[in-house]
PDB file of N, CA and C in Angstrom:
ATOM      1  N   MET A   1      -5.989  39.959 102.748  1.00  0.00           N
ATOM      2  CA  MET A   1      -6.777  40.840 102.029  1.00  0.00           C
ATOM      3  C   MET A   1      -6.639  41.404 100.827  1.00  0.00           C
ATOM      4  N   PRO A   2      -7.918  41.585 100.329  1.00  0.00           N
ATOM      5  CA  PRO A   2      -7.785  41.992  98.573  1.00  0.00           C
ATOM      6  C   PRO A   2      -7.183  43.235  98.606  1.00  0.00           C
ATOM      7  N   ARG A   3      -6.435  43.629  97.669  1.00  0.00           N
ATOM      8  CA  ARG A   3      -5.709  44.596  97.403  1.00  0.00           C
ATOM      9  C   ARG A   3      -6.614  45.762  96.258  1.00  0.00           C
ATOM     10  N   PHE A   4      -5.975  46.783  95.983  1.00  0.00           N
ATOM     11  CA  PHE A   4      -6.814  47.773  95.203  1.00  0.00           C
ATOM     12  C   PHE A   4      -5.329  48.393  94.358  1.00  0.00           C
ATOM     13  N   VAL A   5      -5.599  49.288  93.376  1.00  0.00           N
ATOM     14  CA  VAL A   5      -4.992  49.937  93.050  1.00  0.00           C
ATOM     15  C   VAL A   5      -5.379  51.033  92.178  1.00  0.00           C
ATOM     16  N   ILE A   6      -5.095  52.683  91.997  1.00  0.00           N
ATOM     17  CA  ILE A   6      -5.657  53.196  91.166  1.00  0.00           C
ATOM     18  C   ILE A   6      -4.364  53.909  90.454  1.00  0.00           C
ATOM     19  N   GLN A   7      -4.443  53.681  89.014  1.00  0.00           N
ATOM     20  CA  GLN A   7      -3.346  53.976  87.874  1.00  0.00           C
ATOM     21  C   GLN A   7      -3.960  55.182  87.158  1.00  0.00           C
ATOM     22  N   GLU A   8      -3.280  55.854  87.110  1.00  0.00           N
ATOM     23  CA  GLU A   8      -3.188  56.784  86.279  1.00  0.00           C
ATOM     24  C   GLU A   8      -3.110  56.351  84.957  1.00  0.00           C
ATOM     25  N   HIS A   9      -3.991  56.507  83.607  1.00  0.00           N
ATOM     26  CA  HIS A   9      -3.507  55.906  82.555  1.00  0.00           C
ATOM     27  C   HIS A   9      -3.624  57.062  81.315  1.00  0.00           C
ATOM     28  N   SER A  10      -2.508  57.644  80.811  1.00  0.00           N
ATOM     29  CA  SER A  10      -2.358  58.633  79.868  1.00  0.00           C
ATOM     30  C   SER A  10      -2.220  57.845  78.631  1.00  0.00           C
ATOM     31  N   ARG A  11      -3.135  58.166  77.414  1.00  0.00           N
ATOM     32  CA  ARG A  11      -2.927  57.589  75.706  1.00  0.00           C
ATOM     33  C   ARG A  11      -2.682  58.872  75.003  1.00  0.00           C
ATOM     34  N   VAL A  12      -1.746  58.628  73.977  1.00  0.00           N
ATOM     35  CA  VAL A  12      -1.515  59.603  73.064  1.00  0.00           C
ATOM     36  C   VAL A  12      -2.701  60.044  72.357  1.00  0.00           C
ATOM     37  N   GLY A  13      -3.508  61.101  72.250  1.00  0.00           N
ATOM     38  CA  GLY A  13      -4.409  61.948  71.845  1.00  0.00           C
ATOM     39  C   GLY A  13      -5.734  61.580  72.471  1.00  0.00           C
ATOM     40  N   GLN A  14      -5.310  60.922  73.766  1.00  0.00           N
ATOM     41  CA  GLN A  14      -6.914  60.446  74.373  1.00  0.00           C
ATOM     42  C   GLN A  14      -7.098  61.216  75.840  1.00  0.00           C
ATOM     43  N   GLY A  15      -6.241  61.924  75.984  1.00  0.00           N
ATOM     44  CA  GLY A  15      -5.765  62.556  77.659  1.00  0.00           C
ATOM     45  C   GLY A  15      -5.574  61.511  78.448  1.00  0.00           C
ATOM     46  N   VAL A  16      -6.216  61.856  79.924  1.00  0.00           N
ATOM     47  CA  VAL A  16      -5.602  61.034  81.030  1.00  0.00           C
ATOM     48  C   VAL A  16      -7.066  60.873  81.515  1.00  0.00           C
ATOM     49  N   HIS A  17      -7.059  59.582  82.503  1.00  0.00           N
ATOM     50  CA  HIS A  17      -8.354  59.011  82.763  1.00  0.00           C
ATOM     51  C   HIS A  17      -7.663  58.285  84.060  1.00  0.00           C
ATOM     52  N   TRP A  18      -8.339  57.817  85.143  1.00  0.00           N
ATOM     53  CA  TRP A  18      -7.780  57.246  86.408  1.00  0.00           C
ATOM     54  C   TRP A  18      -8.579  55.641  86.102  1.00  0.00           C
ATOM     55  N   ASP A  19      -7.987  54.686  86.514  1.00  0.00           N
ATOM     56  CA  ASP A  19      -8.329  53.177  86.951  1.00  0.00           C
ATOM     57  C   ASP A  19      -8.774  52.652  88.373  1.00  0.00           C
ATOM     58  N   LEU A  20      -9.441  52.437  89.131  1.00  0.00           N
ATOM     59  CA  LEU A  20     -10.006  51.822  90.201  1.00  0.00           C
ATOM     60  C   LEU A  20      -9.916  50.315  89.734  1.00  0.00           C
ATOM     61  N   MET A  21      -9.157  49.575  90.939  1.00  0.00           N
ATOM     62  CA  MET A  21      -9.011  48.318  90.102  1.00  0.00           C
ATOM     63  C   MET A  21      -9.005  47.738  91.651  1.00  0.00           C
ATOM     64  N   LEU A  22     -10.028  46.628  92.115  1.00  0.00           N
ATOM     65  CA  LEU A  22     -10.341  46.117  93.115  1.00  0.00           C
ATOM     66  C   LEU A  22     -10.159  44.437  92.817  1.00  0.00           C
ATOM     67  N   GLU A  23      -9.134  44.023  93.485  1.00  0.00           N
ATOM     68  CA  GLU A  23      -8.995  42.727  93.248  1.00  0.00           C
ATOM     69  C   GLU A  23     -10.005  41.847  93.745  1.00  0.00           C
ATOM     70  N   GLN A  24     -10.739  40.762  93.205  1.00  0.00           N
ATOM     71  CA  GLN A  24     -11.646  40.114  93.449  1.00  0.00           C
ATOM     72  C   GLN A  24     -11.524  38.598  92.819  1.00  0.00           C
ATOM     73  N   GLY A  25     -10.851  37.734  93.739  1.00  0.00           N
ATOM     74  CA  GLY A  25     -10.446  36.254  93.318  1.00  0.00           C
ATOM     75  C   GLY A  25      -9.593  36.795  92.442  1.00  0.00           C
ATOM     76  N   PRO A  26      -9.751  35.832  91.144  1.00  0.00           N
ATOM     77  CA  PRO A  26      -8.670  36.004  90.268  1.00  0.00           C
ATOM     78  C   PRO A  26      -8.430  37.283  89.310  1.00  0.00           C
ATOM     79  N   VAL A  27      -9.329  37.905  89.346  1.00  0.00           N
ATOM     80  CA  VAL A  27      -9.451  38.858  88.556  1.00  0.00           C
ATOM     81  C   VAL A  27      -9.393  40.806  89.348  1.00  0.00           C
ATOM     82  N   LEU A  28      -9.157  41.788  88.599  1.00  0.00           N
ATOM     83  CA  LEU A  28      -9.293  43.128  89.211  1.00  0.00           C
ATOM     84  C   LEU A  28     -10.853  43.739  88.519  1.00  0.00           C
ATOM     85  N   LYS A  29     -11.827  43.678  89.070  1.00  0.00           N
ATOM     86  CA  LYS A  29     -12.678  44.699  88.924  1.00  0.00           C
ATOM     87  C   LYS A  29     -12.258  45.761  89.094  1.00  0.00           C
ATOM     88  N   THR A  30     -12.573  46.504  87.533  1.00  0.00           N
ATOM     89  CA  THR A  30     -11.983  47.476  87.020  1.00  0.00           C
ATOM     90  C   THR A  30     -13.168  48.523  86.507  1.00  0.00           C
ATOM     91  N   PHE A  31     -12.950  50.128  87.155  1.00  0.00           N
ATOM     92  CA  PHE A  31     -13.576  51.215  86.980  1.00  0.00           C
ATOM     93  C   PHE A  31     -12.547  52.512  86.699  1.00  0.00           C
ATOM     94  N   ARG A  32     -13.306  52.712  85.639  1.00  0.00           N
ATOM     95  CA  ARG A  32     -12.866  54.155  84.853  1.00  0.00           C
ATOM     96  C   ARG A  32     -13.096  55.499  85.504  1.00  0.00           C
ATOM     97  N   MET A  33     -12.527  56.564  86.062  1.00  0.00           N
ATOM     98  CA  MET A  33     -13.154  57.687  86.607  1.00  0.00           C
ATOM     99  C   MET A  33     -11.981  58.629  85.746  1.00  0.00           C
ATOM    100  N   ASP A  34     -12.972  59.780  85.198  1.00  0.00           N
ATOM    101  CA  ASP A  34     -12.269  60.661  84.774  1.00  0.00           C
ATOM    102  C   ASP A  34     -11.598  62.071  85.242  1.00  0.00           C
ATOM    103  N   ILE A  35     -11.747  61.862  86.686  1.00  0.00           N
ATOM    104  CA  ILE A  35     -10.996  62.970  87.849  1.00  0.00           C
ATOM    105  C   ILE A  35     -10.065  62.455  88.443  1.00  0.00           C
ATOM    106  N   ALA A  36      -9.210  63.255  88.760  1.00  0.00           N
ATOM    107  CA  ALA A  36      -8.195  62.400  89.930  1.00  0.00           C
ATOM    108  C   ALA A  36      -8.445  61.991  91.251  1.00  0.00           C
ATOM    109  N   PRO A  37      -7.854  61.086  91.661  1.00  0.00           N
ATOM    110  CA  PRO A  37      -8.297  60.445  92.620  1.00  0.00           C
ATOM    111  C   PRO A  37      -8.078  61.130  93.896  1.00  0.00           C
ATOM    112  N   GLY A  38      -7.753  62.276  94.091  1.00  0.00           N
ATOM    113  CA  GLY A  38      -7.728  63.208  95.182  1.00  0.00           C
ATOM    114  C   GLY A  38      -9.159  63.506  95.221  1.00  0.00           C
ATOM    115  N   GLY A  39      -9.975  63.535  94.617  1.00  0.00           N
ATOM    116  CA  GLY A  39     -11.558  64.222  94.281  1.00  0.00           C
ATOM    117  C   GLY A  39     -12.488  63.347  95.215  1.00  0.00           C
ATOM    118  N   LEU A  40     -12.061  61.842  95.363  1.00  0.00           N
ATOM    119  CA  LEU A  40     -12.654  60.992  95.894  1.00  0.00           C
ATOM    120  C   LEU A  40     -12.817  60.981  97.377  1.00  0.00           C
ATOM    121  N   ALA A  41     -12.026  61.627  97.950  1.00  0.00           N
ATOM    122  CA  ALA A  41     -11.904  61.848  99.318  1.00  0.00           C
ATOM    123  C   ALA A  41     -12.993  62.442  99.795  1.00  0.00           C
ATOM    124  N   SER A  42     -13.957  63.208  99.212  1.00  0.00           N
ATOM    125  CA  SER A  42     -14.869  63.911  99.814  1.00  0.00           C
ATOM    126  C   SER A  42     -16.272  64.124  98.988  1.00  0.00           C
ATOM    127  N   ASP A  43     -16.112  64.184  97.388  1.00  0.00           N
ATOM    128  CA  ASP A  43     -17.214  64.105  96.434  1.00  0.00           C
ATOM    129  C   ASP A  43     -17.532  63.077  96.041  1.00  0.00           C
ATOM    130  N   PRO A  44     -18.816  62.499  95.687  1.00  0.00           N
ATOM    131  CA  PRO A  44     -19.251  61.195  94.917  1.00  0.00           C
ATOM    132  C   PRO A  44     -18.602  61.247  93.468  1.00  0.00           C
ATOM    133  N   VAL A  45     -18.441  60.350  92.721  1.00  0.00           N
ATOM    134  CA  VAL A  45     -17.775  60.371  91.333  1.00  0.00           C
ATOM    135  C   VAL A  45     -18.117  59.291  90.726  1.00  0.00           C
ATOM    136  N   GLU A  46     -18.557  59.756  89.663  1.00  0.00           N
ATOM    137  CA  GLU A  46     -19.270  58.440  88.427  1.00  0.00           C
ATOM    138  C   GLU A  46     -18.015  57.907  88.170  1.00  0.00           C
ATOM    139  N   LEU A  47     -18.195  56.462  88.112  1.00  0.00           N
ATOM    140  CA  LEU A  47     -17.334  55.725  87.561  1.00  0.00           C
ATOM    141  C   LEU A  47     -18.090  55.106  86.490  1.00  0.00           C
ATOM    142  N   GLN A  48     -17.340  54.248  85.543  1.00  0.00           N
ATOM    143  CA  GLN A  48     -17.510  53.397  84.605  1.00  0.00           C
ATOM    144  C   GLN A  48     -17.071  52.186  84.461  1.00  0.00           C
ATOM    145  N   ALA A  49     -17.458  51.236  84.905  1.00  0.00           N
ATOM    146  CA  ALA A  49     -17.373  49.834  84.858  1.00  0.00           C
ATOM    147  C   ALA A  49     -16.483  49.433  83.379  1.00  0.00           C
ATOM    148  N   ILE A  50     -15.678  48.856  83.851  1.00  0.00           N
ATOM    149  CA  ILE A  50     -14.818  48.385  82.148  1.00  0.00           C
ATOM    150  C   ILE A  50     -14.439  47.295  82.610  1.00  0.00           C
ATOM    151  N   ASN A  51     -13.952  46.351  81.487  1.00  0.00           N
ATOM    152  CA  ASN A  51     -13.310  45.096  81.443  1.00  0.00           C
ATOM    153  C   ASN A  51     -12.472  44.809  82.830  1.00  0.00           C
ATOM    154  N   ASP A  52     -12.817  43.662  83.122  1.00  0.00           N
ATOM    155  CA  ASP A  52     -11.912  43.175  84.717  1.00  0.00           C
ATOM    156  C   ASP A  52     -10.491  42.934  83.573  1.00  0.00           C
ATOM    157  N   HIS A  53      -9.558  43.409  84.569  1.00  0.00           N
ATOM    158  CA  HIS A  53      -7.538  43.208  84.505  1.00  0.00           C
ATOM    159  C   HIS A  53      -7.529  41.952  85.025  1.00  0.00           C
ATOM    160  N   ALA A  54      -6.103  41.657  84.653  1.00  0.00           N
ATOM    161  CA  ALA A  54      -5.163  40.756  85.256  1.00  0.00           C
ATOM    162  C   ALA A  54      -4.778  41.325  86.686  1.00  0.00           C
ATOM    163  N   LEU A  55      -4.581  40.257  87.301  1.00  0.00           N
ATOM    164  CA  LEU A  55      -4.146  40.715  88.705  1.00  0.00           C
ATOM    165  C   LEU A  55      -2.513  41.394  88.482  1.00  0.00           C
ATOM    166  N   ARG A  56      -2.031  41.288  87.519  1.00  0.00           N
ATOM    167  CA  ARG A  56      -0.553  41.615  87.303  1.00  0.00           C
ATOM    168  C   ARG A  56      -0.768  43.271  87.142  1.00  0.00           C
ATOM    169  N   PHE A  57      -1.805  43.556  87.096  1.00  0.00           N
ATOM    170  CA  PHE A  57      -1.812  45.287  87.089  1.00  0.00           C
ATOM    171  C   PHE A  57      -1.511  45.893  88.350  1.00  0.00           C
ATOM    172  N   LEU A  58      -1.759  45.042  89.413  1.00  0.00           N
ATOM    173  CA  LEU A  58      -1.757  45.545  90.869  1.00  0.00           C
ATOM    174  C   LEU A  58      -0.728  46.707  91.124  1.00  0.00           C
ATOM    175  N   ASP A  59       0.891  45.979  90.363  1.00  0.00           N
ATOM    176  CA  ASP A  59       1.614  46.712  90.488  1.00  0.00           C
ATOM    177  C   ASP A  59       2.479  47.038  89.265  1.00  0.00           C
ATOM    178  N   TYR A  60       1.916  47.305  88.160  1.00  0.00           N
ATOM    179  CA  TYR A  60       2.273  47.466  86.900  1.00  0.00           C
ATOM    180  C   TYR A  60       2.491  48.700  86.822  1.00  0.00           C
ATOM    181  N   GLN A  61       3.572  49.523  86.099  1.00  0.00           N
ATOM    182  CA  GLN A  61       3.714  50.738  85.708  1.00  0.00           C
ATOM    183  C   GLN A  61       4.703  50.715  84.505  1.00  0.00           C
ATOM    184  N   GLY A  62       4.219  51.480  83.356  1.00  0.00           N
ATOM    185  CA  GLY A  62       4.740  51.591  82.283  1.00  0.00           C
ATOM    186  C   GLY A  62       4.056  51.480  81.187  1.00  0.00           C
ATOM    187  N   PRO A  63       4.551  50.935  79.934  1.00  0.00           N
ATOM    188  CA  PRO A  63       3.496  51.132  78.715  1.00  0.00           C
ATOM    189  C   PRO A  63       2.756  50.478  78.494  1.00  0.00           C
ATOM    190  N   VAL A  64       1.452  50.580  77.554  1.00  0.00           N
ATOM    191  CA  VAL A  64       0.037  49.774  77.619  1.00  0.00           C
ATOM    192  C   VAL A  64       0.276  50.248  75.838  1.00  0.00           C
ATOM    193  N   ASN A  65      -0.940  49.624  75.504  1.00  0.00           N
ATOM    194  CA  ASN A  65      -1.877  49.725  74.197  1.00  0.00           C
ATOM    195  C   ASN A  65      -0.730  49.867  73.153  1.00  0.00           C
ATOM    196  N   LYS A  66       0.220  48.767  73.058  1.00  0.00           N
ATOM    197  CA  LYS A  66       1.506  48.774  72.260  1.00  0.00           C
ATOM    198  C   LYS A  66       2.131  49.915  72.386  1.00  0.00           C
ATOM    199  N   GLY A  67       2.460  50.497  73.322  1.00  0.00           N
ATOM    200  CA  GLY A  67       3.176  51.561  73.409  1.00  0.00           C
ATOM    201  C   GLY A  67       2.172  52.851  73.095  1.00  0.00           C
ATOM    202  N   GLN A  68       1.349  53.126  72.679  1.00  0.00           N
ATOM    203  CA  GLN A  68       0.462  54.305  72.684  1.00  0.00           C
ATOM    204  C   GLN A  68       0.090  54.951  73.902  1.00  0.00           C
ATOM    205  N   GLY A  69       0.501  54.163  75.143  1.00  0.00           N
ATOM    206  CA  GLY A  69      -0.085  54.897  76.480  1.00  0.00           C
ATOM    207  C   GLY A  69       0.919  54.460  77.254  1.00  0.00           C
ATOM    208  N   MET A  70       0.568  54.959  78.820  1.00  0.00           N
ATOM    209  CA  MET A  70       1.308  54.633  79.974  1.00  0.00           C
ATOM    210  C   MET A  70       0.545  54.416  81.073  1.00  0.00           C
ATOM    211  N   VAL A  71       0.833  54.063  82.127  1.00  0.00           N
ATOM    212  CA  VAL A  71       0.070  53.804  83.224  1.00  0.00           C
ATOM    213  C   VAL A  71       1.252  54.181  84.758  1.00  0.00           C
ATOM    214  N   ARG A  72       0.789  54.391  85.424  1.00  0.00           N
ATOM    215  CA  ARG A  72       1.153  54.952  86.940  1.00  0.00           C
ATOM    216  C   ARG A  72       0.629  54.613  87.851  1.00  0.00           C
ATOM    217  N   ILE A  73       0.954  54.196  88.984  1.00  0.00           N
ATOM    218  CA  ILE A  73       0.236  53.765  90.183  1.00  0.00           C
ATOM    219  C   ILE A  73       0.396  55.072  91.032  1.00  0.00           C
ATOM    220  N   VAL A  74      -0.987  55.425  91.223  1.00  0.00           N
ATOM    221  CA  VAL A  74      -1.001  56.838  92.070  1.00  0.00           C
ATOM    222  C   VAL A  74      -1.876  56.236  93.738  1.00  0.00           C
ATOM    223  N   ASP A  75      -2.281  55.471  93.830  1.00  0.00           N
ATOM    224  CA  ASP A  75      -2.584  54.592  95.108  1.00  0.00           C
ATOM    225  C   ASP A  75      -2.636  53.351  95.319  1.00  0.00           C
ATOM    226  N   LEU A  76      -2.473  52.767  96.069  1.00  0.00           N
ATOM    227  CA  LEU A  76      -2.565  51.427  96.228  1.00  0.00           C
ATOM    228  C   LEU A  76      -2.399  50.965  97.722  1.00  0.00           C
ATOM    229  N   GLY A  77      -3.431  49.873  98.181  1.00  0.00           N
ATOM    230  CA  GLY A  77      -3.416  49.029  99.410  1.00  0.00           C
ATOM    231  C   GLY A  77      -4.099  48.123  99.407  1.00  0.00           C
ATOM    232  N   SER A  78      -4.835  48.143 100.737  1.00  0.00           N
ATOM    233  CA  SER A  78      -5.894  46.731 100.520  1.00  0.00           C
ATOM    234  C   SER A  78      -7.389  47.127 100.671  1.00  0.00           C
ATOM    235  N   TYR A  79      -8.267  46.382 100.703  1.00  0.00           N
ATOM    236  CA  TYR A  79      -9.405  46.729 101.265  1.00  0.00           C
ATOM    237  C   TYR A  79     -10.078  45.864 102.216  1.00  0.00           C
ATOM    238  N   THR A  80     -11.322  45.782 102.682  1.00  0.00           N
ATOM    239  CA  THR A  80     -12.633  44.870 103.140  1.00  0.00           C
ATOM    240  C   THR A  80     -13.890  45.448 103.079  1.00  0.00           C
ATOM    241  N   THR A  81     -14.278  44.115 102.205  1.00  0.00           N
ATOM    242  CA  THR A  81     -15.707  44.010 101.810  1.00  0.00           C
ATOM    243  C   THR A  81     -16.530  44.021 103.260  1.00  0.00           C
ATOM    244  N   ILE A  82     -17.498  45.398 103.522  1.00  0.00           N
ATOM    245  CA  ILE A  82     -18.300  45.459 104.491  1.00  0.00           C
ATOM    246  C   ILE A  82     -19.565  44.634 104.211  1.00  0.00           C
ATOM    247  N   GLU A  83     -20.353  45.117 103.063  1.00  0.00           N
ATOM    248  CA  GLU A  83     -21.313  44.909 102.777  1.00  0.00           C
ATOM    249  C   GLU A  83     -20.988  44.572 101.335  1.00  0.00           C
ATOM    250  N   MET A  84     -22.047  43.432 100.718  1.00  0.00           N
ATOM    251  CA  MET A  84     -21.767  43.573  98.785  1.00  0.00           C
ATOM    252  C   MET A  84     -23.539  42.911  98.104  1.00  0.00           C
ATOM    253  N   SER A  85     -23.955  43.796  97.203  1.00  0.00           N
ATOM    254  CA  SER A  85     -25.015  42.929  96.737  1.00  0.00           C
ATOM    255  C   SER A  85     -24.929  43.403  95.039  1.00  0.00           C
ATOM    256  N   GLN A  86     -25.709  43.231  94.309  1.00  0.00           N
ATOM    257  CA  GLN A  86     -25.802  43.462  92.915  1.00  0.00           C
ATOM    258  C   GLN A  86     -25.682  45.151  92.930  1.00  0.00           C
ATOM    259  N   SER A  87     -26.397  45.765  93.686  1.00  0.00           N
ATOM    260  CA  SER A  87     -26.685  47.104  93.305  1.00  0.00           C
ATOM    261  C   SER A  87     -25.771  48.116  93.969  1.00  0.00           C
ATOM    262  N   CYS A  88     -25.181  47.523  95.232  1.00  0.00           N
ATOM    263  CA  CYS A  88     -24.233  48.039  96.052  1.00  0.00           C
ATOM    264  C   CYS A  88     -23.039  47.602  96.841  1.00  0.00           C
ATOM    265  N   TRP A  89     -21.888  48.369  96.840  1.00  0.00           N
ATOM    266  CA  TRP A  89     -20.718  47.439  96.944  1.00  0.00           C
ATOM    267  C   TRP A  89     -20.143  48.403  98.251  1.00  0.00           C
ATOM    268  N   THR A  90     -20.013  48.304  99.847  1.00  0.00           N
ATOM    269  CA  THR A  90     -19.482  49.041 100.801  1.00  0.00           C
ATOM    270  C   THR A  90     -18.098  48.476 101.111  1.00  0.00           C
ATOM    271  N   ILE A  91     -17.228  49.083 101.378  1.00  0.00           N
ATOM    272  CA  ILE A  91     -15.758  48.562 101.357  1.00  0.00           C
ATOM    273  C   ILE A  91     -15.263  49.470 102.276  1.00  0.00           C
ATOM    274  N   LEU A  92     -14.155  48.796 103.174  1.00  0.00           N
ATOM    275  CA  LEU A  92     -13.220  49.825 103.816  1.00  0.00           C
ATOM    276  C   LEU A  92     -12.041  49.841 103.359  1.00  0.00           C
ATOM    277  N   ILE A  93     -11.238  51.103 102.547  1.00  0.00           N
ATOM    278  CA  ILE A  93      -9.945  51.125 102.208  1.00  0.00           C
ATOM    279  C   ILE A  93      -8.972  51.316 103.010  1.00  0.00           C
ATOM    280  N   GLU A  94      -7.749  50.927 102.826  1.00  0.00           N
ATOM    281  CA  GLU A  94      -6.603  51.365 103.625  1.00  0.00           C
ATOM    282  C   GLU A  94      -5.644  51.466 102.438  1.00  0.00           C
ATOM    283  N   GLY A  95      -5.246  52.945 101.991  1.00  0.00           N
ATOM    284  CA  GLY A  95      -4.714  53.436 100.978  1.00  0.00           C
ATOM    285  C   GLY A  95      -3.900  54.163 101.464  1.00  0.00           C
ATOM    286  N   THR A  96      -3.128  55.098 100.364  1.00  0.00           N
ATOM    287  CA  THR A  96      -2.247  56.294 100.841  1.00  0.00           C
ATOM    288  C   THR A  96      -3.026  57.125 100.579  1.00  0.00           C
ATOM    289  N   LEU A  97      -3.862  57.401  99.478  1.00  0.00           N
ATOM    290  CA  LEU A  97      -4.664  58.576  99.165  1.00  0.00           C
ATOM    291  C   LEU A  97      -6.328  58.383  99.871  1.00  0.00           C
ATOM    292  N   LEU A  98      -6.482  56.731  99.329  1.00  0.00           N
ATOM    293  CA  LEU A  98      -7.846  56.714  99.904  1.00  0.00           C
ATOM    294  C   LEU A  98      -7.687  55.696 101.109  1.00  0.00           C
ATOM    295  N   ARG A  99      -8.345  56.482 102.400  1.00  0.00           N
ATOM    296  CA  ARG A  99      -8.580  55.800 103.771  1.00  0.00           C
ATOM    297  C   ARG A  99     -10.166  55.829 104.320  1.00  0.00           C
ATOM    298  N   GLY A 100     -10.801  54.888 104.718  1.00  0.00           N
ATOM    299  CA  GLY A 100     -11.912  54.853 105.062  1.00  0.00           C
ATOM    300  C   GLY A 100     -12.956  54.170 104.704  1.00  0.00           C
ATOM    301  N   ARG A 101     -13.771  54.582 104.532  1.00  0.00           N
ATOM    302  CA  ARG A 101     -15.453  53.592 103.958  1.00  0.00           C
ATOM    303  C   ARG A 101     -15.786  54.321 103.132  1.00  0.00           C
ATOM    304  N   TYR A 102     -16.043  53.295 101.950  1.00  0.00           N
ATOM    305  CA  TYR A 102     -16.536  53.879 100.755  1.00  0.00           C
ATOM    306  C   TYR A 102     -17.639  53.056 100.529  1.00  0.00           C
ATOM    307  N   MET A 103     -18.346  53.655  99.060  1.00  0.00           N
ATOM    308  CA  MET A 103     -19.421  52.930  98.443  1.00  0.00           C
ATOM    309  C   MET A 103     -19.636  53.091  97.027  1.00  0.00           C
ATOM    310  N   LEU A 104     -19.879  51.944  96.621  1.00  0.00           N
ATOM    311  CA  LEU A 104     -19.629  51.722  95.234  1.00  0.00           C
ATOM    312  C   LEU A 104     -21.777  51.598  94.899  1.00  0.00           C
ATOM    313  N   SER A 105     -22.298  52.341  94.198  1.00  0.00           N
ATOM    314  CA  SER A 105     -23.690  52.201  94.004  1.00  0.00           C
ATOM    315  C   SER A 105     -23.982  52.478  92.769  1.00  0.00           C
ATOM    316  N   HIS A 106     -24.646  50.884  92.222  1.00  0.00           N
ATOM    317  CA  HIS A 106     -24.803  50.624  90.517  1.00  0.00           C
ATOM    318  C   HIS A 106     -25.984  52.337  90.188  1.00  0.00           C
ATOM    319  N   GLN A 107     -25.663  52.398  89.154  1.00  0.00           N
ATOM    320  CA  GLN A 107     -26.700  53.425  88.745  1.00  0.00           C
ATOM    321  C   GLN A 107     -27.793  53.106  87.608  1.00  0.00           C
ATOM    322  N   GLU A 108     -26.371  52.919  86.245  1.00  0.00           N
ATOM    323  CA  GLU A 108     -27.460  52.328  85.330  1.00  0.00           C
ATOM    324  C   GLU A 108     -26.740  51.810  84.350  1.00  0.00           C
ATOM    325  N   GLY A 109     -26.948  50.488  83.690  1.00  0.00           N
ATOM    326  CA  GLY A 109     -25.937  50.323  82.709  1.00  0.00           C
ATOM    327  C   GLY A 109     -24.662  49.912  83.247  1.00  0.00           C
ATOM    328  N   ASP A 110     -23.411  50.415  82.926  1.00  0.00           N
ATOM    329  CA  ASP A 110     -22.145  50.202  83.222  1.00  0.00           C
ATOM    330  C   ASP A 110     -21.838  51.597  84.270  1.00  0.00           C
ATOM    331  N   ARG A 111     -22.496  52.551  84.880  1.00  0.00           N
ATOM    332  CA  ARG A 111     -22.551  53.408  85.321  1.00  0.00           C
ATOM    333  C   ARG A 111     -22.352  53.163  86.984  1.00  0.00           C
ATOM    334  N   TRP A 112     -21.669  53.998  87.818  1.00  0.00           N
ATOM    335  CA  TRP A 112     -21.452  53.184  88.907  1.00  0.00           C
ATOM    336  C   TRP A 112     -21.364  54.914  89.807  1.00  0.00           C
ATOM    337  N   LEU A 113     -21.540  54.911  90.871  1.00  0.00           N
ATOM    338  CA  LEU A 113     -21.603  56.220  91.687  1.00  0.00           C
ATOM    339  C   LEU A 113     -20.475  55.753  93.048  1.00  0.00           C
ATOM    340  N   PHE A 114     -19.217  56.110  93.006  1.00  0.00           N
ATOM    341  CA  PHE A 114     -18.394  56.216  94.346  1.00  0.00           C
ATOM    342  C   PHE A 114     -18.542  57.259  95.045  1.00  0.00           C
ATOM    343  N   SER A 115     -18.682  56.700  96.163  1.00  0.00           N
ATOM    344  CA  SER A 115     -18.772  58.093  97.517  1.00  0.00           C
ATOM    345  C   SER A 115     -18.032  57.399  98.827  1.00  0.00           C
ATOM    346  N   ARG A 116     -17.968  58.189  99.774  1.00  0.00           N
ATOM    347  CA  ARG A 116     -17.743  58.135 100.892  1.00  0.00           C
ATOM    348  C   ARG A 116     -18.980  57.563 101.628  1.00  0.00           C
ATOM    349  N   ALA A 117     -18.907  56.825 102.311  1.00  0.00           N
ATOM    350  CA  ALA A 117     -19.942  55.954 103.245  1.00  0.00           C
ATOM    351  C   ALA A 117     -20.243  56.418 104.764  1.00  0.00           C
TER     352      ALA A 117
END
């Protein structure tokens, strides 16, 4: 089963955001979110698609950006793709914080909406 991770990402002078990373083949499809993952359980959240990350980030915690930032894992587990098209991706997530059926819906450009399905 493919895996996922949510990392809290802090950087000096830039505050905190979270990265949702979904294993897809040799990369992690990565989405940035500006709210803590606890809010994902009930309310739709806007995500920004960012560059794919290497699989090593599935279990990495520590310094990033040449020591200018830190990441720590806040949720991890596996997921199953239920349906996938260019504009919609429905997945079943089995994590610690996130559990259940979720949908990523493409909005415009690099913007996606993540919600309970």
